[in-house]
């Protein structure tokens, strides 16, 4: 979880490099995400997603932005808080959690065996691949800005355009002697997995009225059709 969060910071800053400087509010908003836990969690979560367009990526992200949501065997049994924030804090901290009927302690050590994995998180691999290829050097960052800033993606920009832009970034770096020699898998990962720039996406929480969720719970009935 800590590694993913640090990788997400890296990817947020890479998007700050890709982000046009005008209007200034766009760039400032992007930099502020460096300290926003939800934004960092969303940056990590979208790694490995396969949206067709930037607009579709926003739709994917929206699924994880709600402040509270209903879930359970009947889809309405319990109210949970934002999944990204809960996943982060539930893994890193001991929490005193409010439930519908009482409060309970949440101890992450009880689930530590479930968290163990030999797989490198997608966000970490993406950040590492960019770094290993030399994309994070000052001269290479200037190339990233040169390639990306003049052409901010529109909502309907197709993923094929993003793949071409990723490929062009590496090509320009290579032509200028800035691309570190790496296995082809590293270059391929960057081209395939470096996600759409997200500086224009909405990454803040979507406010949810708890009374509305409770009303949905009360009104729920089995659907036998």
C-alpha atoms as a PDB file:
ATOM      1  CA  UNK A   1       0.000   0.000   0.000  1.00  0.00           C
ATOM      2  CA  UNK A   2       2.828   2.412   0.864  1.00  0.00           C
ATOM      3  CA  UNK A   3       4.665   1.519  -2.354  1.00  0.00           C
ATOM      4  CA  UNK A   4       1.509   2.105  -4.401  1.00  0.00           C
ATOM      5  CA  UNK A   5       0.964   5.469  -2.763  1.00  0.00           C
ATOM      6  CA  UNK A   6       4.511   6.580  -3.506  1.00  0.00           C
ATOM      7  CA  UNK A   7       4.188   5.347  -7.097  1.00  0.00           C
ATOM      8  CA  UNK A   8       0.932   7.295  -7.413  1.00  0.00           C
ATOM      9  CA  UNK A   9       2.753  10.460  -6.315  1.00  0.00           C
ATOM     10  CA  UNK A  10       5.267   9.856  -9.088  1.00  0.00           C
ATOM     11  CA  UNK A  11       2.491   9.418 -11.663  1.00  0.00           C
ATOM     12  CA  UNK A  12       0.718  12.552 -10.421  1.00  0.00           C
ATOM     13  CA  UNK A  13       3.901  14.542 -10.933  1.00  0.00           C
ATOM     14  CA  UNK A  14       4.400  12.995 -14.372  1.00  0.00           C
ATOM     15  CA  UNK A  15       0.911  14.218 -15.257  1.00  0.00           C
ATOM     16  CA  UNK A  16       1.916  17.649 -13.954  1.00  0.00           C
ATOM     17  CA  UNK A  17       4.695  17.578 -16.555  1.00  0.00           C
ATOM     18  CA  UNK A  18       2.227  16.535 -19.271  1.00  0.00           C
ATOM     19  CA  UNK A  19      -0.271  19.185 -18.128  1.00  0.00           C
ATOM     20  CA  UNK A  20      -0.453  22.466 -20.114  1.00  0.00           C
ATOM     21  CA  UNK A  21       0.394  25.500 -17.992  1.00  0.00           C
ATOM     22  CA  UNK A  22      -2.714  27.444 -19.017  1.00  0.00           C
ATOM     23  CA  UNK A  23      -5.138  27.817 -17.451  1.00  0.00           C
ATOM     24  CA  UNK A  24      -3.106  28.018 -14.270  1.00  0.00           C
ATOM     25  CA  UNK A  25      -5.890  26.552 -12.128  1.00  0.00           C
ATOM     26  CA  UNK A  26      -5.582  23.245 -13.958  1.00  0.00           C
ATOM     27  CA  UNK A  27      -1.890  22.937 -13.118  1.00  0.00           C
ATOM     28  CA  UNK A  28      -2.416  24.014  -9.485  1.00  0.00           C
ATOM     29  CA  UNK A  29      -5.203  21.460  -9.063  1.00  0.00           C
ATOM     30  CA  UNK A  30      -2.960  18.733 -10.406  1.00  0.00           C
ATOM     31  CA  UNK A  31      -0.126  19.575  -8.007  1.00  0.00           C
ATOM     32  CA  UNK A  32      -2.564  19.578  -5.064  1.00  0.00           C
ATOM     33  CA  UNK A  33      -3.368  15.930  -5.791  1.00  0.00           C
ATOM     34  CA  UNK A  34       0.115  15.009  -4.561  1.00  0.00           C
ATOM     35  CA  UNK A  35      -1.225  15.312  -0.994  1.00  0.00           C
ATOM     36  CA  UNK A  36      -4.757  14.007  -1.603  1.00  0.00           C
ATOM     37  CA  UNK A  37      -5.233  10.406  -0.451  1.00  0.00           C
ATOM     38  CA  UNK A  38      -8.239   9.737  -2.673  1.00  0.00           C
ATOM     39  CA  UNK A  39      -6.511  11.131  -5.757  1.00  0.00           C
ATOM     40  CA  UNK A  40      -3.422   9.029  -5.044  1.00  0.00           C
ATOM     41  CA  UNK A  41      -5.557   5.942  -4.565  1.00  0.00           C
ATOM     42  CA  UNK A  42      -7.385   6.563  -7.830  1.00  0.00           C
ATOM     43  CA  UNK A  43      -4.115   7.068  -9.699  1.00  0.00           C
ATOM     44  CA  UNK A  44      -2.921   3.708  -8.413  1.00  0.00           C
ATOM     45  CA  UNK A  45      -6.244   2.010  -9.119  1.00  0.00           C
ATOM     46  CA  UNK A  46      -6.509   3.044 -12.783  1.00  0.00           C
ATOM     47  CA  UNK A  47      -3.184   1.405 -13.605  1.00  0.00           C
ATOM     48  CA  UNK A  48      -4.061  -1.674 -15.600  1.00  0.00           C
ATOM     49  CA  UNK A  49      -7.509  -0.409 -16.601  1.00  0.00           C
ATOM     50  CA  UNK A  50      -8.369  -0.502 -20.306  1.00  0.00           C
ATOM     51  CA  UNK A  51     -10.583   2.499 -21.090  1.00  0.00           C
ATOM     52  CA  UNK A  52     -11.327   3.145 -24.745  1.00  0.00           C
ATOM     53  CA  UNK A  53     -11.502   6.920 -24.280  1.00  0.00           C
ATOM     54  CA  UNK A  54     -10.674   9.498 -21.630  1.00  0.00           C
ATOM     55  CA  UNK A  55     -14.408   9.899 -21.014  1.00  0.00           C
ATOM     56  CA  UNK A  56     -14.695   6.199 -20.257  1.00  0.00           C
ATOM     57  CA  UNK A  57     -11.783   6.453 -17.830  1.00  0.00           C
ATOM     58  CA  UNK A  58     -13.748   9.146 -15.978  1.00  0.00           C
ATOM     59  CA  UNK A  59     -16.694   6.743 -15.780  1.00  0.00           C
ATOM     60  CA  UNK A  60     -14.428   4.066 -14.307  1.00  0.00           C
ATOM     61  CA  UNK A  61     -13.010   6.513 -11.770  1.00  0.00           C
ATOM     62  CA  UNK A  62     -16.481   7.698 -10.747  1.00  0.00           C
ATOM     63  CA  UNK A  63     -17.247   4.204  -9.447  1.00  0.00           C
ATOM     64  CA  UNK A  64     -14.684   4.795  -6.687  1.00  0.00           C
ATOM     65  CA  UNK A  65     -15.446   8.422  -5.832  1.00  0.00           C
ATOM     66  CA  UNK A  66     -18.624   8.103  -3.759  1.00  0.00           C
ATOM     67  CA  UNK A  67     -18.272   9.085  -0.119  1.00  0.00           C
ATOM     68  CA  UNK A  68     -20.511   6.184   0.970  1.00  0.00           C
ATOM     69  CA  UNK A  69     -22.115   3.264  -0.840  1.00  0.00           C
ATOM     70  CA  UNK A  70     -24.360   0.253  -0.211  1.00  0.00           C
ATOM     71  CA  UNK A  71     -23.179  -3.335  -0.486  1.00  0.00           C
ATOM     72  CA  UNK A  72     -23.713  -6.794   0.937  1.00  0.00           C
ATOM     73  CA  UNK A  73     -25.413 -10.062  -0.077  1.00  0.00           C
ATOM     74  CA  UNK A  74     -28.484  -8.133  -1.250  1.00  0.00           C
ATOM     75  CA  UNK A  75     -26.459  -5.119  -2.465  1.00  0.00           C
ATOM     76  CA  UNK A  76     -28.126  -2.891   0.152  1.00  0.00           C
ATOM     77  CA  UNK A  77     -27.358  -4.624   3.456  1.00  0.00           C
ATOM     78  CA  UNK A  78     -24.686  -2.286   4.813  1.00  0.00           C
ATOM     79  CA  UNK A  79     -23.355   1.199   4.310  1.00  0.00           C
ATOM     80  CA  UNK A  80     -19.640   1.447   3.600  1.00  0.00           C
ATOM     81  CA  UNK A  81     -17.448   4.495   3.272  1.00  0.00           C
ATOM     82  CA  UNK A  82     -15.336   5.246   0.211  1.00  0.00           C
ATOM     83  CA  UNK A  83     -13.606   2.052  -0.837  1.00  0.00           C
ATOM     84  CA  UNK A  84     -10.296   3.660  -1.808  1.00  0.00           C
ATOM     85  CA  UNK A  85      -9.937   5.553   1.473  1.00  0.00           C
ATOM     86  CA  UNK A  86     -11.138   2.594   3.526  1.00  0.00           C
ATOM     87  CA  UNK A  87      -8.708   0.279   1.768  1.00  0.00           C
ATOM     88  CA  UNK A  88      -5.805   2.592   2.484  1.00  0.00           C
ATOM     89  CA  UNK A  89      -6.592   3.358   6.112  1.00  0.00           C
ATOM     90  CA  UNK A  90      -7.760  -0.156   6.896  1.00  0.00           C
ATOM     91  CA  UNK A  91      -4.410  -1.499   5.706  1.00  0.00           C
ATOM     92  CA  UNK A  92      -2.174   1.069   7.397  1.00  0.00           C
ATOM     93  CA  UNK A  93      -3.951   2.092  10.604  1.00  0.00           C
ATOM     94  CA  UNK A  94      -5.952   0.891  13.568  1.00  0.00           C
ATOM     95  CA  UNK A  95      -9.354   2.575  13.240  1.00  0.00           C
ATOM     96  CA  UNK A  96     -12.397   3.111  15.433  1.00  0.00           C
ATOM     97  CA  UNK A  97     -15.157   2.620  12.889  1.00  0.00           C
ATOM     98  CA  UNK A  98     -18.781   3.715  13.093  1.00  0.00           C
ATOM     99  CA  UNK A  99     -21.280   1.062  12.005  1.00  0.00           C
ATOM    100  CA  UNK A 100     -25.055   1.313  11.750  1.00  0.00           C
ATOM    101  CA  UNK A 101     -25.562  -0.111  15.230  1.00  0.00           C
ATOM    102  CA  UNK A 102     -22.344   0.642  17.136  1.00  0.00           C
ATOM    103  CA  UNK A 103     -18.600   1.387  16.904  1.00  0.00           C
ATOM    104  CA  UNK A 104     -15.858  -1.215  16.508  1.00  0.00           C
ATOM    105  CA  UNK A 105     -12.102  -1.353  16.332  1.00  0.00           C
ATOM    106  CA  UNK A 106     -10.556  -2.269  12.994  1.00  0.00           C
ATOM    107  CA  UNK A 107      -7.109  -3.857  13.304  1.00  0.00           C
ATOM    108  CA  UNK A 108      -5.216  -4.328  10.024  1.00  0.00           C
ATOM    109  CA  UNK A 109      -3.061  -7.145  11.441  1.00  0.00           C
ATOM    110  CA  UNK A 110      -6.023  -9.530  11.390  1.00  0.00           C
ATOM    111  CA  UNK A 111      -5.923  -9.420   7.589  1.00  0.00           C
ATOM    112  CA  UNK A 112      -2.177  -9.228   7.048  1.00  0.00           C
ATOM    113  CA  UNK A 113      -1.982 -12.693   5.490  1.00  0.00           C
ATOM    114  CA  UNK A 114      -4.481 -11.582   2.844  1.00  0.00           C
ATOM    115  CA  UNK A 115      -2.353  -8.565   1.922  1.00  0.00           C
ATOM    116  CA  UNK A 116       0.761 -10.592   1.193  1.00  0.00           C
ATOM    117  CA  UNK A 117       1.500 -10.849  -2.501  1.00  0.00           C
ATOM    118  CA  UNK A 118       4.537 -11.608  -4.623  1.00  0.00           C
ATOM    119  CA  UNK A 119       3.127  -9.499  -7.462  1.00  0.00           C
ATOM    120  CA  UNK A 120       4.416  -6.005  -8.047  1.00  0.00           C
ATOM    121  CA  UNK A 121       1.515  -3.508  -8.044  1.00  0.00           C
ATOM    122  CA  UNK A 122       0.740  -2.111 -11.489  1.00  0.00           C
ATOM    123  CA  UNK A 123       1.303   1.470 -10.341  1.00  0.00           C
ATOM    124  CA  UNK A 124       4.728   0.570  -8.945  1.00  0.00           C
ATOM    125  CA  UNK A 125       5.759  -1.228 -12.129  1.00  0.00           C
ATOM    126  CA  UNK A 126       4.605   1.695 -14.275  1.00  0.00           C
ATOM    127  CA  UNK A 127       6.523   4.223 -12.186  1.00  0.00           C
ATOM    128  CA  UNK A 128       9.594   2.009 -12.099  1.00  0.00           C
ATOM    129  CA  UNK A 129       9.495   1.413 -15.864  1.00  0.00           C
ATOM    130  CA  UNK A 130       9.299   5.145 -16.570  1.00  0.00           C
ATOM    131  CA  UNK A 131      12.184   5.800 -14.200  1.00  0.00           C
ATOM    132  CA  UNK A 132      14.333   2.929 -15.499  1.00  0.00           C
ATOM    133  CA  UNK A 133      13.865   4.102 -19.095  1.00  0.00           C
ATOM    134  CA  UNK A 134      15.161   7.529 -18.084  1.00  0.00           C
ATOM    135  CA  UNK A 135      11.897   9.430 -18.362  1.00  0.00           C
ATOM    136  CA  UNK A 136      12.392  11.103 -14.965  1.00  0.00           C
ATOM    137  CA  UNK A 137      15.647  12.899 -15.840  1.00  0.00           C
ATOM    138  CA  UNK A 138      15.428  16.702 -16.356  1.00  0.00           C
ATOM    139  CA  UNK A 139      16.198  16.487 -20.076  1.00  0.00           C
ATOM    140  CA  UNK A 140      13.652  13.695 -20.610  1.00  0.00           C
ATOM    141  CA  UNK A 141      10.967  15.567 -18.657  1.00  0.00           C
ATOM    142  CA  UNK A 142      11.464  18.437 -21.087  1.00  0.00           C
ATOM    143  CA  UNK A 143      10.724  15.974 -23.909  1.00  0.00           C
ATOM    144  CA  UNK A 144       7.577  14.790 -22.116  1.00  0.00           C
ATOM    145  CA  UNK A 145       6.411  18.404 -21.846  1.00  0.00           C
ATOM    146  CA  UNK A 146       7.258  19.069 -25.496  1.00  0.00           C
ATOM    147  CA  UNK A 147       5.336  16.042 -26.748  1.00  0.00           C
ATOM    148  CA  UNK A 148       2.288  16.199 -24.494  1.00  0.00           C
ATOM    149  CA  UNK A 149       1.467  19.793 -23.558  1.00  0.00           C
ATOM    150  CA  UNK A 150       0.506  21.033 -27.053  1.00  0.00           C
ATOM    151  CA  UNK A 151      -2.086  18.237 -27.437  1.00  0.00           C
ATOM    152  CA  UNK A 152      -4.175  17.770 -24.274  1.00  0.00           C
ATOM    153  CA  UNK A 153      -6.572  14.835 -24.833  1.00  0.00           C
ATOM    154  CA  UNK A 154     -10.247  15.548 -25.340  1.00  0.00           C
ATOM    155  CA  UNK A 155     -12.980  13.481 -23.718  1.00  0.00           C
ATOM    156  CA  UNK A 156     -13.403  11.390 -26.875  1.00  0.00           C
ATOM    157  CA  UNK A 157      -9.691  10.850 -27.522  1.00  0.00           C
ATOM    158  CA  UNK A 158      -9.224   7.180 -28.374  1.00  0.00           C
ATOM    159  CA  UNK A 159      -6.742   5.014 -26.517  1.00  0.00           C
ATOM    160  CA  UNK A 160      -4.879   4.376 -29.788  1.00  0.00           C
ATOM    161  CA  UNK A 161      -3.858   8.048 -29.774  1.00  0.00           C
ATOM    162  CA  UNK A 162      -2.457   7.649 -26.260  1.00  0.00           C
ATOM    163  CA  UNK A 163      -0.449   4.620 -27.302  1.00  0.00           C
ATOM    164  CA  UNK A 164       0.999   6.631 -30.189  1.00  0.00           C
ATOM    165  CA  UNK A 165       1.874   9.501 -27.840  1.00  0.00           C
ATOM    166  CA  UNK A 166       3.598   7.130 -25.413  1.00  0.00           C
ATOM    167  CA  UNK A 167       5.544   5.620 -28.304  1.00  0.00           C
ATOM    168  CA  UNK A 168       6.461   9.045 -29.663  1.00  0.00           C
ATOM    169  CA  UNK A 169       7.778  10.112 -26.243  1.00  0.00           C
ATOM    170  CA  UNK A 170      10.205   7.191 -26.218  1.00  0.00           C
ATOM    171  CA  UNK A 171      11.146   7.768 -29.867  1.00  0.00           C
ATOM    172  CA  UNK A 172      12.053  11.418 -29.273  1.00  0.00           C
ATOM    173  CA  UNK A 173      14.026  10.486 -26.166  1.00  0.00           C
ATOM    174  CA  UNK A 174      15.883   7.836 -28.130  1.00  0.00           C
ATOM    175  CA  UNK A 175      16.665  10.243 -30.982  1.00  0.00           C
ATOM    176  CA  UNK A 176      18.215  12.651 -28.470  1.00  0.00           C
ATOM    177  CA  UNK A 177      20.217  10.011 -26.645  1.00  0.00           C
ATOM    178  CA  UNK A 178      18.067  10.226 -23.491  1.00  0.00           C
ATOM    179  CA  UNK A 179      16.532   6.745 -23.476  1.00  0.00           C
ATOM    180  CA  UNK A 180      18.210   4.314 -21.107  1.00  0.00           C
ATOM    181  CA  UNK A 181      18.880   0.871 -22.496  1.00  0.00           C
ATOM    182  CA  UNK A 182      16.291  -1.474 -21.037  1.00  0.00           C
ATOM    183  CA  UNK A 183      14.630  -4.797 -21.930  1.00  0.00           C
ATOM    184  CA  UNK A 184      11.944  -4.468 -24.575  1.00  0.00           C
ATOM    185  CA  UNK A 185       9.382  -5.418 -21.922  1.00  0.00           C
ATOM    186  CA  UNK A 186      10.082  -2.130 -20.140  1.00  0.00           C
ATOM    187  CA  UNK A 187       9.450  -0.043 -23.255  1.00  0.00           C
ATOM    188  CA  UNK A 188       6.383  -2.107 -24.107  1.00  0.00           C
ATOM    189  CA  UNK A 189       4.989  -1.627 -20.614  1.00  0.00           C
ATOM    190  CA  UNK A 190       5.339   2.146 -20.891  1.00  0.00           C
ATOM    191  CA  UNK A 191       3.630   2.257 -24.271  1.00  0.00           C
ATOM    192  CA  UNK A 192       0.767  -0.003 -23.163  1.00  0.00           C
ATOM    193  CA  UNK A 193       0.282   0.932 -19.527  1.00  0.00           C
ATOM    194  CA  UNK A 194       1.087   4.634 -19.103  1.00  0.00           C
ATOM    195  CA  UNK A 195      -2.468   5.788 -18.641  1.00  0.00           C
ATOM    196  CA  UNK A 196      -4.321   8.729 -20.163  1.00  0.00           C
ATOM    197  CA  UNK A 197      -3.307  12.054 -18.563  1.00  0.00           C
ATOM    198  CA  UNK A 198      -5.769  12.580 -15.714  1.00  0.00           C
ATOM    199  CA  UNK A 199      -5.313  16.271 -14.980  1.00  0.00           C
ATOM    200  CA  UNK A 200      -8.739  17.094 -16.448  1.00  0.00           C
ATOM    201  CA  UNK A 201     -10.580  14.289 -14.656  1.00  0.00           C
ATOM    202  CA  UNK A 202     -12.681  14.795 -11.522  1.00  0.00           C
ATOM    203  CA  UNK A 203     -10.976  12.950  -8.657  1.00  0.00           C
ATOM    204  CA  UNK A 204     -12.673  14.454  -5.609  1.00  0.00           C
ATOM    205  CA  UNK A 205     -15.268  12.665  -3.473  1.00  0.00           C
ATOM    206  CA  UNK A 206     -18.865  12.555  -4.615  1.00  0.00           C
ATOM    207  CA  UNK A 207     -21.007  13.516  -1.615  1.00  0.00           C
ATOM    208  CA  UNK A 208     -23.635  10.937  -0.705  1.00  0.00           C
ATOM    209  CA  UNK A 209     -26.570  11.584   1.636  1.00  0.00           C
ATOM    210  CA  UNK A 210     -26.686   8.822   4.253  1.00  0.00           C
ATOM    211  CA  UNK A 211     -30.423   9.330   4.690  1.00  0.00           C
ATOM    212  CA  UNK A 212     -30.920   8.540   1.007  1.00  0.00           C
ATOM    213  CA  UNK A 213     -28.949   5.304   1.384  1.00  0.00           C
ATOM    214  CA  UNK A 214     -30.973   4.330   4.456  1.00  0.00           C
ATOM    215  CA  UNK A 215     -34.175   5.000   2.558  1.00  0.00           C
ATOM    216  CA  UNK A 216     -32.998   2.700  -0.225  1.00  0.00           C
ATOM    217  CA  UNK A 217     -32.331   0.040   2.402  1.00  0.00           C
ATOM    218  CA  UNK A 218     -35.830   0.414   3.834  1.00  0.00           C
ATOM    219  CA  UNK A 219     -37.484   0.359   0.419  1.00  0.00           C
ATOM    220  CA  UNK A 220     -35.587  -2.643  -0.860  1.00  0.00           C
ATOM    221  CA  UNK A 221     -37.526  -5.827  -1.642  1.00  0.00           C
ATOM    222  CA  UNK A 222     -36.401  -9.065  -3.314  1.00  0.00           C
ATOM    223  CA  UNK A 223     -36.714  -9.133  -7.069  1.00  0.00           C
ATOM    224  CA  UNK A 224     -38.072 -12.529  -8.020  1.00  0.00           C
ATOM    225  CA  UNK A 225     -38.459 -11.808 -11.715  1.00  0.00           C
END
